[in-house]
Amino acid sequence: MFNAYTLIIGLFTFGGLVTVVWGAVIIVRARTTARWPAATGTIEESAIASEDDDLLPNIVFRYVVNGSEFRRALEFPGGITPTREFAAEYLGKYPVGAAVTVYYDPRDPGTATLEPGLARGDWLVLAFGIGASLLGISMLLMG
């Protein structure tokens, strides 16, 4: 017999499990960047607005690896709610002309970041997925 309650809670639980996997991938990728080699770079652009968001700062840096020059924009994790204060903090941290340490992927030196490792909210996706999964499983067991 078809039970709509079980189907809905089952889909909720499945969504929680997918979110757990997504959160784990975010954490593994972030932790991988912490082990990348470093090169010296320079900030080329530092502006309050990016093309995607008028409150997300546009930070562009240049660096050289094995004689090849690369140019890359600092990427911010998804889900950030930028504010003027957030942008001002980054503009102060990365002014034009500043020397910076660039961490690059040894397998693909064109992929790089100025901020390796876990970001502030990286654990939130995993925590939300675990919470949703546990809630869904407990509801399925009670129902």
N, C-alpha and C. Protein backbone atom coordinates (compact mmCIF):
# COMPACT_ATOMS: atom_id res chain seq x y z
N MET A 1 0.84 -1.19 0.00
CA MET A 1 0.00 0.00 0.00
C MET A 1 0.89 1.25 0.00
N PHE A 2 0.52 2.21 -0.81
CA PHE A 2 1.27 3.46 -0.95
C PHE A 2 1.01 4.36 0.27
N ASN A 3 2.11 4.81 0.87
CA ASN A 3 2.00 5.70 2.03
C ASN A 3 2.72 7.00 1.68
N ALA A 4 1.96 8.08 1.50
CA ALA A 4 2.54 9.37 1.10
C ALA A 4 3.50 9.89 2.17
N TYR A 5 3.18 9.69 3.44
CA TYR A 5 4.04 10.14 4.53
C TYR A 5 5.42 9.50 4.42
N THR A 6 5.47 8.21 4.21
CA THR A 6 6.74 7.50 4.10
C THR A 6 7.52 7.97 2.88
N LEU A 7 6.82 8.21 1.79
CA LEU A 7 7.48 8.68 0.58
C LEU A 7 8.10 10.07 0.81
N ILE A 8 7.36 10.97 1.41
CA ILE A 8 7.86 12.33 1.66
C ILE A 8 9.04 12.30 2.62
N ILE A 9 8.93 11.57 3.70
CA ILE A 9 10.03 11.49 4.67
C ILE A 9 11.22 10.76 4.05
N GLY A 10 10.97 9.77 3.22
CA GLY A 10 12.05 9.07 2.53
C GLY A 10 12.80 10.01 1.59
N LEU A 11 12.08 10.85 0.86
CA LEU A 11 12.73 11.82 -0.02
C LEU A 11 13.50 12.86 0.79
N PHE A 12 12.94 13.28 1.93
CA PHE A 12 13.63 14.22 2.82
C PHE A 12 14.94 13.60 3.31
N THR A 13 14.88 12.35 3.72
CA THR A 13 16.07 11.64 4.20
C THR A 13 17.10 11.49 3.08
N PHE A 14 16.65 11.13 1.90
CA PHE A 14 17.54 11.01 0.75
C PHE A 14 18.22 12.36 0.46
N GLY A 15 17.44 13.44 0.51
CA GLY A 15 18.00 14.78 0.32
C GLY A 15 19.06 15.09 1.36
N GLY A 16 18.82 14.67 2.60
CA GLY A 16 19.80 14.86 3.66
C GLY A 16 21.08 14.09 3.38
N LEU A 17 20.94 12.86 2.90
CA LEU A 17 22.12 12.05 2.59
C LEU A 17 22.92 12.64 1.42
N VAL A 18 22.22 13.17 0.42
CA VAL A 18 22.90 13.82 -0.71
C VAL A 18 23.65 15.05 -0.20
N THR A 19 23.05 15.79 0.72
CA THR A 19 23.69 16.96 1.30
C THR A 19 24.92 16.57 2.11
N VAL A 20 24.88 15.43 2.80
CA VAL A 20 26.05 14.93 3.52
C VAL A 20 27.20 14.68 2.55
N VAL A 21 26.91 14.04 1.44
CA VAL A 21 27.95 13.76 0.44
C VAL A 21 28.50 15.07 -0.12
N TRP A 22 27.62 16.01 -0.44
CA TRP A 22 28.02 17.31 -0.97
C TRP A 22 28.93 18.03 0.04
N GLY A 23 28.54 18.04 1.31
CA GLY A 23 29.35 18.67 2.35
C GLY A 23 30.70 18.00 2.51
N ALA A 24 30.73 16.67 2.42
CA ALA A 24 32.00 15.95 2.52
C ALA A 24 32.92 16.30 1.36
N VAL A 25 32.37 16.44 0.16
CA VAL A 25 33.18 16.81 -1.01
C VAL A 25 33.76 18.21 -0.81
N ILE A 26 32.96 19.14 -0.31
CA ILE A 26 33.44 20.50 -0.05
C ILE A 26 34.62 20.46 0.92
N ILE A 27 34.49 19.69 1.99
CA ILE A 27 35.54 19.62 3.01
C ILE A 27 36.80 18.96 2.47
N VAL A 28 36.65 17.88 1.72
CA VAL A 28 37.82 17.19 1.16
C VAL A 28 38.56 18.12 0.19
N ARG A 29 37.82 18.82 -0.66
CA ARG A 29 38.47 19.75 -1.61
C ARG A 29 39.19 20.87 -0.86
N ALA A 30 38.55 21.41 0.16
CA ALA A 30 39.16 22.50 0.93
C ALA A 30 40.42 22.02 1.63
N ARG A 31 40.37 20.84 2.21
CA ARG A 31 41.55 20.31 2.91
C ARG A 31 42.68 20.01 1.93
N THR A 32 42.34 19.64 0.70
CA THR A 32 43.36 19.37 -0.31
C THR A 32 44.13 20.64 -0.63
N THR A 33 43.44 21.79 -0.70
CA THR A 33 44.12 23.04 -1.03
C THR A 33 45.15 23.42 0.04
N ALA A 34 44.95 22.96 1.25
CA ALA A 34 45.89 23.28 2.33
C ALA A 34 47.25 22.61 2.11
N ARG A 35 47.30 21.60 1.26
CA ARG A 35 48.56 20.89 0.98
C ARG A 35 49.19 21.30 -0.35
N TRP A 36 48.59 22.26 -1.04
CA TRP A 36 49.14 22.71 -2.32
C TRP A 36 50.44 23.48 -2.10
N PRO A 37 51.36 23.42 -3.07
CA PRO A 37 52.59 24.22 -2.98
C PRO A 37 52.27 25.71 -3.14
N ALA A 38 53.23 26.53 -2.73
CA ALA A 38 53.02 27.98 -2.76
C ALA A 38 53.96 28.67 -3.74
N ALA A 39 53.51 29.79 -4.26
CA ALA A 39 54.32 30.66 -5.11
C ALA A 39 54.03 32.10 -4.68
N THR A 40 54.91 32.98 -5.05
CA THR A 40 54.69 34.39 -4.74
C THR A 40 53.89 35.02 -5.88
N GLY A 41 52.92 35.83 -5.51
CA GLY A 41 52.10 36.49 -6.51
C GLY A 41 51.90 37.95 -6.17
N THR A 42 51.14 38.62 -7.04
CA THR A 42 50.86 40.05 -6.87
C THR A 42 49.38 40.30 -7.14
N ILE A 43 48.79 41.16 -6.34
CA ILE A 43 47.40 41.55 -6.57
C ILE A 43 47.37 42.55 -7.72
N GLU A 44 46.59 42.23 -8.78
CA GLU A 44 46.47 43.11 -9.93
C GLU A 44 45.23 43.97 -9.89
N GLU A 45 44.15 43.41 -9.38
CA GLU A 45 42.89 44.17 -9.29
C GLU A 45 42.30 43.94 -7.90
N SER A 46 41.73 44.99 -7.37
CA SER A 46 41.06 44.90 -6.08
C SER A 46 39.95 45.94 -6.08
N ALA A 47 38.74 45.48 -6.38
CA ALA A 47 37.60 46.40 -6.52
C ALA A 47 36.43 45.92 -5.68
N ILE A 48 35.57 46.83 -5.31
CA ILE A 48 34.47 46.51 -4.41
C ILE A 48 33.41 45.62 -5.05
N ALA A 49 33.30 45.63 -6.37
CA ALA A 49 32.25 44.86 -7.02
C ALA A 49 32.80 43.91 -8.06
N SER A 50 32.20 42.72 -8.11
CA SER A 50 32.55 41.75 -9.15
C SER A 50 31.44 41.78 -10.20
N GLU A 51 31.62 41.04 -11.27
CA GLU A 51 30.58 40.97 -12.30
C GLU A 51 29.33 40.27 -11.79
N ASP A 52 29.52 39.31 -10.86
CA ASP A 52 28.40 38.51 -10.37
C ASP A 52 27.60 39.18 -9.27
N ASP A 53 28.24 40.01 -8.46
CA ASP A 53 27.58 40.56 -7.28
C ASP A 53 28.19 41.91 -6.95
N ASP A 54 27.37 42.92 -6.77
CA ASP A 54 27.90 44.25 -6.52
C ASP A 54 28.49 44.42 -5.12
N LEU A 55 28.32 43.44 -4.24
CA LEU A 55 28.94 43.49 -2.91
C LEU A 55 30.05 42.45 -2.73
N LEU A 56 30.27 41.65 -3.74
CA LEU A 56 31.33 40.64 -3.66
C LEU A 56 32.59 41.23 -4.28
N PRO A 57 33.66 41.34 -3.51
CA PRO A 57 34.86 42.00 -4.05
C PRO A 57 35.47 41.24 -5.22
N ASN A 58 36.08 42.00 -6.10
CA ASN A 58 36.77 41.43 -7.25
C ASN A 58 38.28 41.54 -6.98
N ILE A 59 38.89 40.42 -6.63
CA ILE A 59 40.32 40.36 -6.33
C ILE A 59 40.97 39.49 -7.40
N VAL A 60 41.88 40.05 -8.19
CA VAL A 60 42.57 39.31 -9.24
C VAL A 60 44.06 39.31 -8.91
N PHE A 61 44.67 38.14 -8.98
CA PHE A 61 46.09 38.02 -8.67
C PHE A 61 46.84 37.34 -9.80
N ARG A 62 48.14 37.63 -9.87
CA ARG A 62 49.02 37.07 -10.89
C ARG A 62 50.14 36.33 -10.17
N TYR A 63 50.58 35.22 -10.77
CA TYR A 63 51.66 34.43 -10.18
C TYR A 63 52.36 33.63 -11.27
N VAL A 64 53.56 33.15 -10.97
CA VAL A 64 54.35 32.38 -11.93
C VAL A 64 54.69 31.03 -11.32
N VAL A 65 54.48 29.97 -12.11
CA VAL A 65 54.83 28.60 -11.71
C VAL A 65 55.61 27.97 -12.86
N ASN A 66 56.82 27.52 -12.58
CA ASN A 66 57.67 26.86 -13.58
C ASN A 66 57.80 27.69 -14.86
N GLY A 67 57.96 28.99 -14.71
CA GLY A 67 58.16 29.88 -15.85
C GLY A 67 56.89 30.30 -16.57
N SER A 68 55.75 29.75 -16.20
CA SER A 68 54.48 30.14 -16.83
C SER A 68 53.73 31.10 -15.92
N GLU A 69 53.21 32.17 -16.52
CA GLU A 69 52.47 33.16 -15.74
C GLU A 69 50.97 32.85 -15.79
N PHE A 70 50.33 33.01 -14.64
CA PHE A 70 48.89 32.76 -14.52
C PHE A 70 48.23 33.98 -13.91
N ARG A 71 46.97 34.15 -14.25
CA ARG A 71 46.16 35.25 -13.70
C ARG A 71 44.83 34.63 -13.29
N ARG A 72 44.42 34.92 -12.08
CA ARG A 72 43.22 34.27 -11.56
C ARG A 72 42.48 35.20 -10.60
N ALA A 73 41.16 35.08 -10.57
CA ALA A 73 40.34 35.82 -9.62
C ALA A 73 40.15 34.97 -8.37
N LEU A 74 40.17 35.62 -7.22
CA LEU A 74 39.90 34.93 -5.97
C LEU A 74 38.45 34.48 -5.97
N GLU A 75 38.23 33.19 -5.74
CA GLU A 75 36.88 32.65 -5.72
C GLU A 75 36.40 32.57 -4.28
N PHE A 76 35.14 32.93 -4.09
CA PHE A 76 34.54 32.85 -2.77
C PHE A 76 33.58 31.67 -2.75
N PRO A 77 33.47 30.98 -1.62
CA PRO A 77 32.57 29.84 -1.56
C PRO A 77 31.13 30.25 -1.78
N GLY A 78 30.35 29.36 -2.36
CA GLY A 78 28.94 29.62 -2.56
C GLY A 78 28.24 29.79 -1.22
N GLY A 79 27.18 30.54 -1.23
CA GLY A 79 26.41 30.73 -0.01
C GLY A 79 26.85 31.92 0.83
N ILE A 80 27.90 32.61 0.39
CA ILE A 80 28.34 33.80 1.13
C ILE A 80 27.32 34.91 0.89
N THR A 81 26.95 35.59 1.95
CA THR A 81 26.11 36.76 1.84
C THR A 81 27.01 37.97 2.03
N PRO A 82 27.51 38.54 0.94
CA PRO A 82 28.46 39.63 1.07
C PRO A 82 27.81 40.91 1.58
N THR A 83 28.59 41.68 2.29
CA THR A 83 28.16 42.98 2.77
C THR A 83 29.25 43.98 2.41
N ARG A 84 28.97 45.24 2.58
CA ARG A 84 30.00 46.26 2.33
C ARG A 84 31.19 46.05 3.26
N GLU A 85 30.94 45.62 4.49
CA GLU A 85 32.01 45.37 5.44
C GLU A 85 32.88 44.20 4.98
N PHE A 86 32.23 43.16 4.46
CA PHE A 86 32.95 41.99 3.94
C PHE A 86 33.87 42.42 2.80
N ALA A 87 33.33 43.20 1.86
CA ALA A 87 34.12 43.67 0.72
C ALA A 87 35.26 44.56 1.20
N ALA A 88 34.98 45.46 2.13
CA ALA A 88 36.02 46.36 2.64
C ALA A 88 37.14 45.58 3.33
N GLU A 89 36.78 44.52 4.06
CA GLU A 89 37.79 43.68 4.72
C GLU A 89 38.74 43.06 3.70
N TYR A 90 38.18 42.55 2.60
CA TYR A 90 39.01 41.92 1.57
C TYR A 90 39.82 42.94 0.78
N LEU A 91 39.26 44.11 0.53
CA LEU A 91 40.01 45.15 -0.18
C LEU A 91 41.20 45.61 0.66
N GLY A 92 41.01 45.67 1.99
CA GLY A 92 42.11 46.02 2.87
C GLY A 92 43.15 44.92 2.97
N LYS A 93 42.68 43.70 2.90
CA LYS A 93 43.56 42.53 3.00
C LYS A 93 44.39 42.33 1.72
N TYR A 94 43.80 42.65 0.57
CA TYR A 94 44.44 42.42 -0.72
C TYR A 94 44.43 43.69 -1.58
N PRO A 95 45.22 44.71 -1.22
CA PRO A 95 45.26 45.93 -2.04
C PRO A 95 46.07 45.70 -3.33
N VAL A 96 45.78 46.50 -4.35
CA VAL A 96 46.50 46.40 -5.63
C VAL A 96 48.00 46.59 -5.38
N GLY A 97 48.79 45.71 -5.99
CA GLY A 97 50.25 45.77 -5.88
C GLY A 97 50.82 44.98 -4.72
N ALA A 98 49.98 44.47 -3.83
CA ALA A 98 50.47 43.72 -2.68
C ALA A 98 51.06 42.38 -3.11
N ALA A 99 52.16 42.01 -2.47
CA ALA A 99 52.73 40.67 -2.68
C ALA A 99 51.93 39.69 -1.83
N VAL A 100 51.56 38.56 -2.44
CA VAL A 100 50.75 37.56 -1.74
C VAL A 100 51.33 36.17 -1.96
N THR A 101 50.98 35.28 -1.08
CA THR A 101 51.32 33.87 -1.26
C THR A 101 50.15 33.20 -1.97
N VAL A 102 50.46 32.57 -3.09
CA VAL A 102 49.44 31.90 -3.90
C VAL A 102 49.65 30.40 -3.75
N TYR A 103 48.59 29.68 -3.46
CA TYR A 103 48.63 28.23 -3.35
C TYR A 103 48.00 27.65 -4.61
N TYR A 104 48.76 26.82 -5.31
CA TYR A 104 48.28 26.33 -6.61
C TYR A 104 48.24 24.80 -6.63
N ASP A 105 47.37 24.30 -7.49
CA ASP A 105 47.21 22.86 -7.67
C ASP A 105 48.42 22.36 -8.47
N PRO A 106 49.22 21.45 -7.91
CA PRO A 106 50.40 20.99 -8.63
C PRO A 106 50.07 20.25 -9.93
N ARG A 107 48.88 19.68 -10.04
CA ARG A 107 48.47 18.99 -11.27
C ARG A 107 47.93 19.95 -12.31
N ASP A 108 47.48 21.13 -11.85
CA ASP A 108 46.92 22.15 -12.74
C ASP A 108 47.26 23.53 -12.15
N PRO A 109 48.47 24.03 -12.43
CA PRO A 109 48.91 25.29 -11.82
C PRO A 109 48.02 26.50 -12.12
N GLY A 110 47.15 26.39 -13.10
CA GLY A 110 46.21 27.47 -13.38
C GLY A 110 45.09 27.57 -12.36
N THR A 111 44.96 26.54 -11.52
CA THR A 111 43.98 26.55 -10.45
C THR A 111 44.71 26.94 -9.17
N ALA A 112 44.26 28.03 -8.55
CA ALA A 112 44.98 28.54 -7.38
C ALA A 112 44.04 29.32 -6.48
N THR A 113 44.53 29.57 -5.27
CA THR A 113 43.78 30.36 -4.30
C THR A 113 44.75 31.13 -3.41
N LEU A 114 44.25 32.15 -2.79
CA LEU A 114 45.02 32.90 -1.80
C LEU A 114 44.70 32.41 -0.39
N GLU A 115 43.60 31.67 -0.26
CA GLU A 115 43.12 31.24 1.05
C GLU A 115 42.86 29.73 1.03
N PRO A 116 43.91 28.94 1.27
CA PRO A 116 43.74 27.49 1.24
C PRO A 116 43.06 26.98 2.52
N GLY A 117 42.61 25.75 2.45
CA GLY A 117 42.00 25.12 3.62
C GLY A 117 40.52 25.43 3.75
N LEU A 118 40.00 25.10 4.91
CA LEU A 118 38.58 25.26 5.16
C LEU A 118 38.20 26.72 5.37
N ALA A 119 37.09 27.11 4.78
CA ALA A 119 36.54 28.46 4.99
C ALA A 119 35.58 28.40 6.18
N ARG A 120 35.12 29.56 6.59
CA ARG A 120 34.25 29.66 7.77
C ARG A 120 33.06 28.72 7.74
N GLY A 121 32.32 28.69 6.67
CA GLY A 121 31.08 27.94 6.64
C GLY A 121 31.14 26.57 5.99
N ASP A 122 32.32 26.08 5.70
CA ASP A 122 32.43 24.80 4.99
C ASP A 122 31.78 23.63 5.73
N TRP A 123 31.77 23.67 7.04
CA TRP A 123 31.19 22.57 7.81
C TRP A 123 29.67 22.63 7.87
N LEU A 124 29.08 23.78 7.54
CA LEU A 124 27.64 23.95 7.68
C LEU A 124 26.84 23.02 6.76
N VAL A 125 27.30 22.85 5.53
CA VAL A 125 26.58 21.98 4.60
C VAL A 125 26.56 20.55 5.14
N LEU A 126 27.72 20.08 5.60
CA LEU A 126 27.80 18.72 6.15
C LEU A 126 26.92 18.60 7.39
N ALA A 127 26.98 19.57 8.29
CA ALA A 127 26.18 19.53 9.52
C ALA A 127 24.69 19.54 9.21
N PHE A 128 24.27 20.37 8.27
CA PHE A 128 22.86 20.41 7.87
C PHE A 128 22.42 19.06 7.31
N GLY A 129 23.26 18.47 6.45
CA GLY A 129 22.92 17.16 5.86
C GLY A 129 22.81 16.08 6.90
N ILE A 130 23.73 16.06 7.86
CA ILE A 130 23.68 15.06 8.93
C ILE A 130 22.40 15.25 9.75
N GLY A 131 22.10 16.49 10.10
CA GLY A 131 20.89 16.77 10.89
C GLY A 131 19.63 16.34 10.16
N ALA A 132 19.54 16.68 8.88
CA ALA A 132 18.36 16.32 8.09
C ALA A 132 18.24 14.80 7.94
N SER A 133 19.37 14.14 7.73
CA SER A 133 19.35 12.68 7.58
C SER A 133 18.90 12.00 8.87
N LEU A 134 19.46 12.43 9.98
CA LEU A 134 19.07 11.84 11.27
C LEU A 134 17.61 12.09 11.60
N LEU A 135 17.13 13.31 11.32
CA LEU A 135 15.73 13.62 11.55
C LEU A 135 14.84 12.74 10.67
N GLY A 136 15.18 12.62 9.39
CA GLY A 136 14.39 11.79 8.49
C GLY A 136 14.39 10.32 8.88
N ILE A 137 15.55 9.80 9.26
CA ILE A 137 15.62 8.39 9.67
C ILE A 137 14.80 8.16 10.93
N SER A 138 14.90 9.07 11.89
CA SER A 138 14.13 8.89 13.13
C SER A 138 12.63 8.97 12.85
N MET A 139 12.22 9.85 11.94
CA MET A 139 10.80 9.93 11.59
C MET A 139 10.33 8.66 10.87
N LEU A 140 11.18 8.11 10.03
CA LEU A 140 10.82 6.86 9.35
C LEU A 140 10.69 5.71 10.35
N LEU A 141 11.57 5.66 11.33
CA LEU A 141 11.52 4.60 12.33
C LEU A 141 10.31 4.75 13.25
N MET A 142 9.90 5.97 13.53
CA MET A 142 8.74 6.21 14.40
C MET A 142 7.43 6.00 13.67
N GLY A 143 7.46 6.28 12.34
CA GLY A 143 6.23 6.25 11.56
C GLY A 143 5.82 4.89 11.21
